C-alpha atoms as a PDB file:
ATOM      1  CA  MET A   1       5.673  16.419   7.127  1.00  0.00           C
ATOM      2  CA  SER A   2       3.967  19.806   7.570  1.00  0.00           C
ATOM      3  CA  SER A   3       3.195  21.000  11.084  1.00  0.00           C
ATOM      4  CA  LEU A   4      -0.543  20.981  10.305  1.00  0.00           C
ATOM      5  CA  LYS A   5      -0.424  17.431   8.975  1.00  0.00           C
ATOM      6  CA  SER A   6       1.760  16.248  11.851  1.00  0.00           C
ATOM      7  CA  GLY A   7      -0.507  17.880  14.422  1.00  0.00           C
ATOM      8  CA  PHE A   8      -3.665  16.428  12.900  1.00  0.00           C
ATOM      9  CA  GLN A   9      -2.102  12.965  12.712  1.00  0.00           C
ATOM     10  CA  SER A  10      -1.040  13.180  16.376  1.00  0.00           C
ATOM     11  CA  LEU A  11      -4.548  14.220  17.364  1.00  0.00           C
ATOM     12  CA  LEU A  12      -6.123  11.343  15.453  1.00  0.00           C
ATOM     13  CA  LEU A  13      -3.717   8.830  16.980  1.00  0.00           C
ATOM     14  CA  ARG A  14      -4.454  10.084  20.492  1.00  0.00           C
ATOM     15  CA  LEU A  15      -8.177   9.832  19.824  1.00  0.00           C
ATOM     16  CA  TYR A  16      -7.707   6.340  18.367  1.00  0.00           C
ATOM     17  CA  LYS A  17      -5.747   5.187  21.421  1.00  0.00           C
ATOM     18  CA  THR A  18      -8.439   6.559  23.750  1.00  0.00           C
ATOM     19  CA  ALA A  19     -11.226   4.991  21.707  1.00  0.00           C
ATOM     20  CA  LEU A  20      -9.392   1.665  21.636  1.00  0.00           C
ATOM     21  CA  ALA A  21      -8.945   1.640  25.409  1.00  0.00           C
ATOM     22  CA  SER A  22     -12.613   2.488  25.980  1.00  0.00           C
ATOM     23  CA  GLY A  23     -13.888  -0.174  23.594  1.00  0.00           C
ATOM     24  CA  VAL A  24     -15.538   2.360  21.277  1.00  0.00           C
ATOM     25  CA  THR A  25     -13.764   0.941  18.219  1.00  0.00           C
ATOM     26  CA  SER A  26     -15.492  -2.395  18.787  1.00  0.00           C
ATOM     27  CA  THR A  27     -18.922  -0.796  18.279  1.00  0.00           C
ATOM     28  CA  THR A  28     -20.511  -0.334  14.866  1.00  0.00           C
ATOM     29  CA  TRP A  29     -20.669   3.440  15.136  1.00  0.00           C
ATOM     30  CA  GLY A  30     -17.150   3.614  16.551  1.00  0.00           C
ATOM     31  CA  ARG A  31     -15.728   1.607  13.642  1.00  0.00           C
ATOM     32  CA  SER A  32     -17.630   3.766  11.177  1.00  0.00           C
ATOM     33  CA  LEU A  33     -16.326   6.968  12.750  1.00  0.00           C
ATOM     34  CA  PHE A  34     -12.742   5.686  12.720  1.00  0.00           C
ATOM     35  CA  GLU A  35     -12.991   4.656   9.070  1.00  0.00           C
ATOM     36  CA  TRP A  36     -14.512   8.011   8.117  1.00  0.00           C
ATOM     37  CA  CYS A  37     -11.720   9.906   9.892  1.00  0.00           C
ATOM     38  CA  TYR A  38      -9.066   7.706   8.283  1.00  0.00           C
ATOM     39  CA  GLU A  39     -10.432   8.343   4.804  1.00  0.00           C
ATOM     40  CA  LYS A  40     -10.609  12.105   5.341  1.00  0.00           C
ATOM     41  CA  TYR A  41      -7.035  12.137   6.643  1.00  0.00           C
ATOM     42  CA  LYS A  42      -5.806  10.232   3.575  1.00  0.00           C
ATOM     43  CA  ILE A  43      -7.549  12.643   1.207  1.00  0.00           C
ATOM     44  CA  LEU A  44      -6.761  15.900   2.997  1.00  0.00           C
ATOM     45  CA  PHE A  45      -3.207  15.267   4.204  1.00  0.00           C
ATOM     46  CA  GLU A  46      -1.670  12.410   2.233  1.00  0.00           C
ATOM     47  CA  VAL A  47      -2.670  11.337  -1.258  1.00  0.00           C
ATOM     48  CA  GLY A  48      -5.306  13.887  -2.260  1.00  0.00           C
ATOM     49  CA  ASP A  49      -7.533  12.996  -5.208  1.00  0.00           C
ATOM     50  CA  ILE A  50      -6.431   9.560  -6.408  1.00  0.00           C
ATOM     51  CA  GLY A  51      -8.675   9.578  -9.494  1.00  0.00           C
ATOM     52  CA  VAL A  52      -5.718   9.979 -11.858  1.00  0.00           C
ATOM     53  CA  LEU A  53      -4.631   6.432 -10.955  1.00  0.00           C
ATOM     54  CA  ARG A  54      -7.693   5.203 -12.819  1.00  0.00           C
ATOM     55  CA  SER A  55      -5.981   6.011 -16.119  1.00  0.00           C
ATOM     56  CA  LEU A  56      -3.252   3.470 -15.251  1.00  0.00           C
ATOM     57  CA  ILE A  57      -5.712   0.566 -14.984  1.00  0.00           C
ATOM     58  CA  LYS A  58      -6.321  -1.182 -18.286  1.00  0.00           C
ATOM     59  CA  PRO A  59      -9.609  -3.029 -18.943  1.00  0.00           C
ATOM     60  CA  GLY A  60      -9.443  -6.738 -18.168  1.00  0.00           C
ATOM     61  CA  THR A  61      -6.384  -6.458 -15.928  1.00  0.00           C
ATOM     62  CA  THR A  62      -5.575  -7.078 -12.275  1.00  0.00           C
ATOM     63  CA  VAL A  63      -4.660  -4.438  -9.689  1.00  0.00           C
ATOM     64  CA  ILE A  64      -2.695  -5.507  -6.600  1.00  0.00           C
ATOM     65  CA  ASP A  65      -2.963  -3.518  -3.360  1.00  0.00           C
ATOM     66  CA  VAL A  66      -0.107  -4.547  -1.054  1.00  0.00           C
ATOM     67  CA  GLY A  67      -0.600  -3.222   2.455  1.00  0.00           C
ATOM     68  CA  ALA A  68      -4.293  -2.643   1.856  1.00  0.00           C
ATOM     69  CA  ASN A  69      -5.010  -1.642   5.461  1.00  0.00           C
ATOM     70  CA  ILE A  70      -8.778  -1.027   5.743  1.00  0.00           C
ATOM     71  CA  GLY A  71      -9.332  -0.613   2.008  1.00  0.00           C
ATOM     72  CA  PHE A  72      -9.044   3.091   1.154  1.00  0.00           C
ATOM     73  CA  PHE A  73      -7.314   2.348  -2.158  1.00  0.00           C
ATOM     74  CA  THR A  74      -8.853  -1.101  -2.607  1.00  0.00           C
ATOM     75  CA  ARG A  75     -12.418   0.135  -2.869  1.00  0.00           C
ATOM     76  CA  HIS A  76     -11.467   2.713  -5.505  1.00  0.00           C
ATOM     77  CA  PHE A  77      -9.554   0.107  -7.472  1.00  0.00           C
ATOM     78  CA  GLY A  78     -12.578  -2.193  -7.221  1.00  0.00           C
ATOM     79  CA  ARG A  79     -14.769   0.468  -8.792  1.00  0.00           C
ATOM     80  CA  TRP A  80     -12.303   1.171 -11.571  1.00  0.00           C
ATOM     81  CA  VAL A  81     -11.463  -2.308 -12.856  1.00  0.00           C
ATOM     82  CA  SER A  82     -13.515  -3.297 -15.892  1.00  0.00           C
ATOM     83  CA  GLY A  83     -13.822  -5.888 -18.615  1.00  0.00           C
ATOM     84  CA  GLY A  84     -13.320  -8.830 -16.269  1.00  0.00           C
ATOM     85  CA  GLY A  85     -10.512  -7.226 -14.314  1.00  0.00           C
ATOM     86  CA  HIS A  86     -10.188  -7.683 -10.557  1.00  0.00           C
ATOM     87  CA  VAL A  87      -8.284  -6.575  -7.476  1.00  0.00           C
ATOM     88  CA  ILE A  88      -6.062  -8.577  -5.126  1.00  0.00           C
ATOM     89  CA  ALA A  89      -5.772  -6.865  -1.725  1.00  0.00           C
ATOM     90  CA  VAL A  90      -3.062  -8.115   0.652  1.00  0.00           C
ATOM     91  CA  GLU A  91      -3.239  -7.189   4.351  1.00  0.00           C
ATOM     92  CA  PRO A  92      -1.711  -9.179   7.233  1.00  0.00           C
ATOM     93  CA  GLU A  93      -3.075  -7.646  10.440  1.00  0.00           C
ATOM     94  CA  GLU A  94      -6.243  -9.268  11.773  1.00  0.00           C
ATOM     95  CA  THR A  95      -8.237  -6.160  12.753  1.00  0.00           C
ATOM     96  CA  ASN A  96      -7.337  -4.287   9.574  1.00  0.00           C
ATOM     97  CA  PHE A  97      -8.169  -7.379   7.523  1.00  0.00           C
ATOM     98  CA  ALA A  98     -11.633  -7.578   9.094  1.00  0.00           C
ATOM     99  CA  ARG A  99     -12.182  -3.878   8.387  1.00  0.00           C
ATOM    100  CA  LEU A 100     -10.946  -4.376   4.828  1.00  0.00           C
ATOM    101  CA  ASN A 101     -13.510  -7.105   4.231  1.00  0.00           C
ATOM    102  CA  ARG A 102     -16.284  -4.959   5.714  1.00  0.00           C
ATOM    103  CA  THR A 103     -15.281  -2.121   3.395  1.00  0.00           C
ATOM    104  CA  ILE A 104     -15.421  -4.400   0.373  1.00  0.00           C
ATOM    105  CA  ALA A 105     -18.798  -5.827   1.390  1.00  0.00           C
ATOM    106  CA  ARG A 106     -20.276  -2.408   2.210  1.00  0.00           C
ATOM    107  CA  HIS A 107     -19.358  -1.103  -1.235  1.00  0.00           C
ATOM    108  CA  MET A 108     -20.641  -4.302  -2.908  1.00  0.00           C
ATOM    109  CA  LEU A 109     -17.273  -5.185  -4.433  1.00  0.00           C
ATOM    110  CA  THR A 110     -16.886  -8.802  -3.327  1.00  0.00           C
ATOM    111  CA  ALA A 111     -17.291 -10.007  -6.917  1.00  0.00           C
ATOM    112  CA  VAL A 112     -14.206  -8.107  -8.092  1.00  0.00           C
ATOM    113  CA  VAL A 113     -11.987  -7.890  -4.998  1.00  0.00           C
ATOM    114  CA  GLU A 114     -10.116 -10.834  -3.490  1.00  0.00           C
ATOM    115  CA  THR A 115      -8.625 -10.271  -0.038  1.00  0.00           C
ATOM    116  CA  ILE A 116      -5.623 -12.202   1.256  1.00  0.00           C
ATOM    117  CA  GLN A 117      -4.466 -12.145   4.868  1.00  0.00           C
ATOM    118  CA  ALA A 118      -0.691 -12.245   4.546  1.00  0.00           C
ATOM    119  CA  VAL A 119       2.429 -10.178   4.161  1.00  0.00           C
ATOM    120  CA  ALA A 120       3.882  -9.936   0.675  1.00  0.00           C
ATOM    121  CA  ALA A 121       7.601 -10.696   0.702  1.00  0.00           C
ATOM    122  CA  GLU A 122      10.418 -12.147  -1.381  1.00  0.00           C
ATOM    123  CA  THR A 123       9.586 -15.756  -0.440  1.00  0.00           C
ATOM    124  CA  ASN A 124       6.688 -17.859   0.793  1.00  0.00           C
ATOM    125  CA  GLY A 125       6.463 -19.150   4.342  1.00  0.00           C
ATOM    126  CA  THR A 126       5.978 -17.537   7.749  1.00  0.00           C
ATOM    127  CA  LEU A 127       7.312 -14.188   8.952  1.00  0.00           C
ATOM    128  CA  LYS A 128       6.675 -12.091  12.042  1.00  0.00           C
ATOM    129  CA  LEU A 129       4.557  -8.959  12.156  1.00  0.00           C
ATOM    130  CA  GLU A 130       5.323  -6.321  14.770  1.00  0.00           C
ATOM    131  CA  ILE A 131       2.041  -4.769  15.897  1.00  0.00           C
ATOM    132  CA  ASN A 132       1.831  -1.099  16.840  1.00  0.00           C
ATOM    133  CA  PRO A 133      -1.235  -1.011  19.123  1.00  0.00           C
ATOM    134  CA  SER A 134      -1.413   2.785  18.938  1.00  0.00           C
ATOM    135  CA  HIS A 135      -1.189   3.126  15.149  1.00  0.00           C
ATOM    136  CA  PRO A 136      -3.264   0.851  12.888  1.00  0.00           C
ATOM    137  CA  ALA A 137      -1.190   1.778   9.818  1.00  0.00           C
ATOM    138  CA  ASP A 138       2.219   1.097  11.377  1.00  0.00           C
ATOM    139  CA  HIS A 139       2.415  -2.689  11.631  1.00  0.00           C
ATOM    140  CA  LYS A 140       5.591  -4.038  10.047  1.00  0.00           C
ATOM    141  CA  ILE A 141       7.641  -7.148   9.286  1.00  0.00           C
ATOM    142  CA  SER A 142      10.166  -7.619  12.070  1.00  0.00           C
ATOM    143  CA  GLU A 143      12.282 -10.122  13.968  1.00  0.00           C
ATOM    144  CA  GLN A 144       9.695 -10.024  16.738  1.00  0.00           C
ATOM    145  CA  GLY A 145       5.923 -10.138  16.656  1.00  0.00           C
ATOM    146  CA  ILE A 146       3.102 -12.468  15.748  1.00  0.00           C
ATOM    147  CA  PRO A 147       3.565 -15.190  13.098  1.00  0.00           C
ATOM    148  CA  VAL A 148       1.895 -14.356   9.785  1.00  0.00           C
ATOM    149  CA  ARG A 149       1.699 -16.014   6.410  1.00  0.00           C
ATOM    150  CA  ALA A 150       4.194 -14.669   3.861  1.00  0.00           C
ATOM    151  CA  VAL A 151       3.617 -14.990   0.125  1.00  0.00           C
ATOM    152  CA  SER A 152       5.358 -13.592  -2.943  1.00  0.00           C
ATOM    153  CA  LEU A 153       3.472 -11.704  -5.630  1.00  0.00           C
ATOM    154  CA  ASP A 154       4.811 -14.140  -8.220  1.00  0.00           C
ATOM    155  CA  THR A 155       3.237 -17.015  -6.310  1.00  0.00           C
ATOM    156  CA  LEU A 156      -0.116 -15.215  -6.100  1.00  0.00           C
ATOM    157  CA  LEU A 157      -0.108 -14.576  -9.835  1.00  0.00           C
ATOM    158  CA  GLU A 158       1.109 -18.049 -10.781  1.00  0.00           C
ATOM    159  CA  GLU A 159      -1.630 -19.633  -8.651  1.00  0.00           C
ATOM    160  CA  ARG A 160      -4.161 -17.585 -10.645  1.00  0.00           C
ATOM    161  CA  GLN A 161      -2.707 -18.530 -14.049  1.00  0.00           C
ATOM    162  CA  TRP A 162      -0.892 -15.217 -14.523  1.00  0.00           C
ATOM    163  CA  PRO A 163      -3.678 -12.695 -15.105  1.00  0.00           C
ATOM    164  CA  PRO A 164      -2.235  -9.503 -16.642  1.00  0.00           C
ATOM    165  CA  VAL A 165      -1.402  -6.829 -14.057  1.00  0.00           C
ATOM    166  CA  SER A 166      -1.568  -3.111 -14.837  1.00  0.00           C
ATOM    167  CA  LEU A 167      -1.033  -1.494 -11.410  1.00  0.00           C
ATOM    168  CA  ILE A 168       0.593  -2.464  -8.107  1.00  0.00           C
ATOM    169  CA  LYS A 169       0.323  -0.185  -5.072  1.00  0.00           C
ATOM    170  CA  ILE A 170       2.763  -0.926  -2.220  1.00  0.00           C
ATOM    171  CA  ASP A 171       2.786   0.662   1.242  1.00  0.00           C
ATOM    172  CA  VAL A 172       4.476  -1.720   3.673  1.00  0.00           C
ATOM    173  CA  GLN A 173       6.534   0.291   6.171  1.00  0.00           C
ATOM    174  CA  GLY A 174       9.942  -0.256   4.628  1.00  0.00           C
ATOM    175  CA  ALA A 175       9.500  -3.742   3.131  1.00  0.00           C
ATOM    176  CA  GLU A 176       8.927  -2.407  -0.400  1.00  0.00           C
ATOM    177  CA  GLU A 177      12.093  -3.934  -1.825  1.00  0.00           C
ATOM    178  CA  ARG A 178      11.170  -7.335  -0.394  1.00  0.00           C
ATOM    179  CA  VAL A 179       7.771  -7.117  -2.082  1.00  0.00           C
ATOM    180  CA  LEU A 180       9.312  -6.120  -5.412  1.00  0.00           C
ATOM    181  CA  ARG A 181      11.867  -8.932  -5.318  1.00  0.00           C
ATOM    182  CA  GLY A 182       9.029 -11.374  -4.699  1.00  0.00           C
ATOM    183  CA  GLY A 183       7.278  -9.960  -7.757  1.00  0.00           C
ATOM    184  CA  ARG A 184      10.219  -9.889 -10.155  1.00  0.00           C
ATOM    185  CA  LYS A 185       8.603 -12.253 -12.695  1.00  0.00           C
ATOM    186  CA  THR A 186       5.337 -10.317 -12.518  1.00  0.00           C
ATOM    187  CA  ILE A 187       7.145  -7.032 -13.161  1.00  0.00           C
ATOM    188  CA  GLU A 188       9.249  -8.435 -16.007  1.00  0.00           C
ATOM    189  CA  ARG A 189       6.213 -10.040 -17.593  1.00  0.00           C
ATOM    190  CA  PHE A 190       3.663  -7.184 -17.377  1.00  0.00           C
ATOM    191  CA  HIS A 191       5.603  -4.000 -16.515  1.00  0.00           C
ATOM    192  CA  PRO A 192       2.722  -2.686 -14.396  1.00  0.00           C
ATOM    193  CA  ALA A 193       2.617   0.880 -13.138  1.00  0.00           C
ATOM    194  CA  LEU A 194       3.888   0.991  -9.559  1.00  0.00           C
ATOM    195  CA  PHE A 195       2.628   3.322  -6.826  1.00  0.00           C
ATOM    196  CA  LEU A 196       5.015   3.277  -3.853  1.00  0.00           C
ATOM    197  CA  GLU A 197       5.543   5.084  -0.598  1.00  0.00           C
ATOM    198  CA  ILE A 198       9.298   5.509  -0.064  1.00  0.00           C
ATOM    199  CA  ASP A 199      10.512   6.043   3.488  1.00  0.00           C
ATOM    200  CA  ASP A 200      14.305   5.880   3.580  1.00  0.00           C
ATOM    201  CA  GLU A 201      14.491   5.397   7.347  1.00  0.00           C
ATOM    202  CA  ALA A 202      11.974   2.547   7.264  1.00  0.00           C
ATOM    203  CA  LEU A 203      13.784   0.970   4.319  1.00  0.00           C
ATOM    204  CA  ARG A 204      17.076   1.066   6.208  1.00  0.00           C
ATOM    205  CA  ARG A 205      15.485  -0.911   9.042  1.00  0.00           C
ATOM    206  CA  MET A 206      14.884  -3.632   6.420  1.00  0.00           C
ATOM    207  CA  ASN A 207      18.505  -3.548   5.171  1.00  0.00           C
ATOM    208  CA  SER A 208      17.505  -1.496   2.141  1.00  0.00           C
ATOM    209  CA  ASP A 209      17.397   2.232   1.345  1.00  0.00           C
ATOM    210  CA  ALA A 210      15.772   4.660  -1.059  1.00  0.00           C
ATOM    211  CA  GLU A 211      18.739   4.777  -3.425  1.00  0.00           C
ATOM    212  CA  LYS A 212      18.820   0.999  -3.747  1.00  0.00           C
ATOM    213  CA  LEU A 213      15.069   0.853  -4.361  1.00  0.00           C
ATOM    214  CA  LEU A 214      15.184   3.561  -7.025  1.00  0.00           C
ATOM    215  CA  ARG A 215      18.113   1.841  -8.733  1.00  0.00           C
ATOM    216  CA  LEU A 216      16.273  -1.496  -8.719  1.00  0.00           C
ATOM    217  CA  LEU A 217      13.355   0.028 -10.612  1.00  0.00           C
ATOM    218  CA  THR A 218      15.306   2.221 -13.020  1.00  0.00           C
ATOM    219  CA  ASN A 219      17.383  -0.842 -13.953  1.00  0.00           C
ATOM    220  CA  GLU A 220      14.074  -2.460 -14.961  1.00  0.00           C
ATOM    221  CA  GLY A 221      13.438   0.448 -17.336  1.00  0.00           C
ATOM    222  CA  TYR A 222      11.013   2.396 -15.146  1.00  0.00           C
ATOM    223  CA  SER A 223      10.809   6.177 -15.105  1.00  0.00           C
ATOM    224  CA  ILE A 224      10.356   7.938 -11.755  1.00  0.00           C
ATOM    225  CA  HIS A 225       7.484  10.348 -11.131  1.00  0.00           C
ATOM    226  CA  ARG A 226       6.571  12.220  -7.966  1.00  0.00           C
ATOM    227  CA  TRP A 227       3.031  11.756  -6.699  1.00  0.00           C
ATOM    228  CA  GLN A 228       1.807  14.877  -4.970  1.00  0.00           C
ATOM    229  CA  ARG A 229      -1.815  15.371  -4.009  1.00  0.00           C
ATOM    230  CA  GLY A 230      -3.355  13.715  -7.027  1.00  0.00           C
ATOM    231  CA  ARG A 231      -0.797  14.731  -9.641  1.00  0.00           C
ATOM    232  CA  ILE A 232       1.882  12.693 -11.380  1.00  0.00           C
ATOM    233  CA  SER A 233       4.961  14.748 -12.209  1.00  0.00           C
ATOM    234  CA  ALA A 234       7.080  14.686 -15.340  1.00  0.00           C
ATOM    235  CA  PRO A 235       9.907  12.107 -15.222  1.00  0.00           C
ATOM    236  CA  LEU A 236      12.542  12.776 -12.560  1.00  0.00           C
ATOM    237  CA  LEU A 237      16.216  11.982 -12.418  1.00  0.00           C
ATOM    238  CA  ALA A 238      17.073   9.481  -9.690  1.00  0.00           C
ATOM    239  CA  SER A 239      19.145  12.170  -7.952  1.00  0.00           C
ATOM    240  CA  ARG A 240      16.124  14.455  -7.778  1.00  0.00           C
ATOM    241  CA  ALA A 241      13.954  11.646  -6.437  1.00  0.00           C
ATOM    242  CA  MET A 242      16.586  10.939  -3.779  1.00  0.00           C
ATOM    243  CA  SER A 243      16.570  14.567  -2.702  1.00  0.00           C
ATOM    244  CA  LEU A 244      12.790  14.384  -2.263  1.00  0.00           C
ATOM    245  CA  CYS A 245      13.218  11.380   0.038  1.00  0.00           C
ATOM    246  CA  GLN A 246      15.623  13.273   2.263  1.00  0.00           C
ATOM    247  CA  GLY A 247      14.534  15.662   4.973  1.00  0.00           C
ATOM    248  CA  ARG A 248      11.014  14.259   5.142  1.00  0.00           C
ATOM    249  CA  ARG A 249       9.435  11.172   6.641  1.00  0.00           C
ATOM    250  CA  TYR A 250       8.349   9.720   3.312  1.00  0.00           C
ATOM    251  CA  ALA A 251       7.413  10.590  -0.252  1.00  0.00           C
ATOM    252  CA  ASP A 252       5.057   8.932  -2.731  1.00  0.00           C
ATOM    253  CA  PHE A 253       6.165   8.003  -6.239  1.00  0.00           C
ATOM    254  CA  VAL A 254       4.686   6.490  -9.383  1.00  0.00           C
ATOM    255  CA  PHE A 255       6.951   4.356 -11.579  1.00  0.00           C
ATOM    256  CA  LEU A 256       5.980   3.922 -15.231  1.00  0.00           C
ATOM    257  CA  HIS A 257       7.379   1.602 -17.886  1.00  0.00           C
ATOM    258  CA  PRO A 258       7.422   2.630 -21.569  1.00  0.00           C
END
């Protein structure tokens, strides 16, 4: 993480903590300011221009946003689906889920976006979500926390009569492998493009790691591509992808199937 990015993130988190303590985030203008700042941070310091992802969404297909947070990606996906396609956005934390629904309503996307308050995992049931009160994007599955509904991607798709899926975005603080294992049938059936954040340290807290995750996907026939500020790289060897995961907090990748 660059010093500029790290410094700006620290500043935003301090401001968020102060605003939360003062009650500003419970006001309409306070929520709007927070959401505006969050979006600008995502564009300027994390993902850049995400428009290229639009080319991965086929008409009439479903896009799944796992770890939707307040809807930065979801609202773009909602604008890009066509021909009867729709978006399933999965977000477990109550405040984020409320903000997600406001985002969808504000952008008039309720007809094409379905929101689900749950964690995506390898099985259905109940898990615990550890809440980080100082960081709204750092809630994670844990042994301790509040009980939340857990659902597998395969269950979500089976309940909806298996609509074709062209893109799955996953950002779940180290639980990426658990999500993928719960979507094995979906992946085998549709081979959707996958957009993942890979954080080796976070994965290790979930008894996984970056090497294991990369191997899981390459064994399914996926090629690995680095995502960097709105660009998808040429295919990478797994060893090169591993080197990109080391020495940094996280890296974003796109996985494509022939």
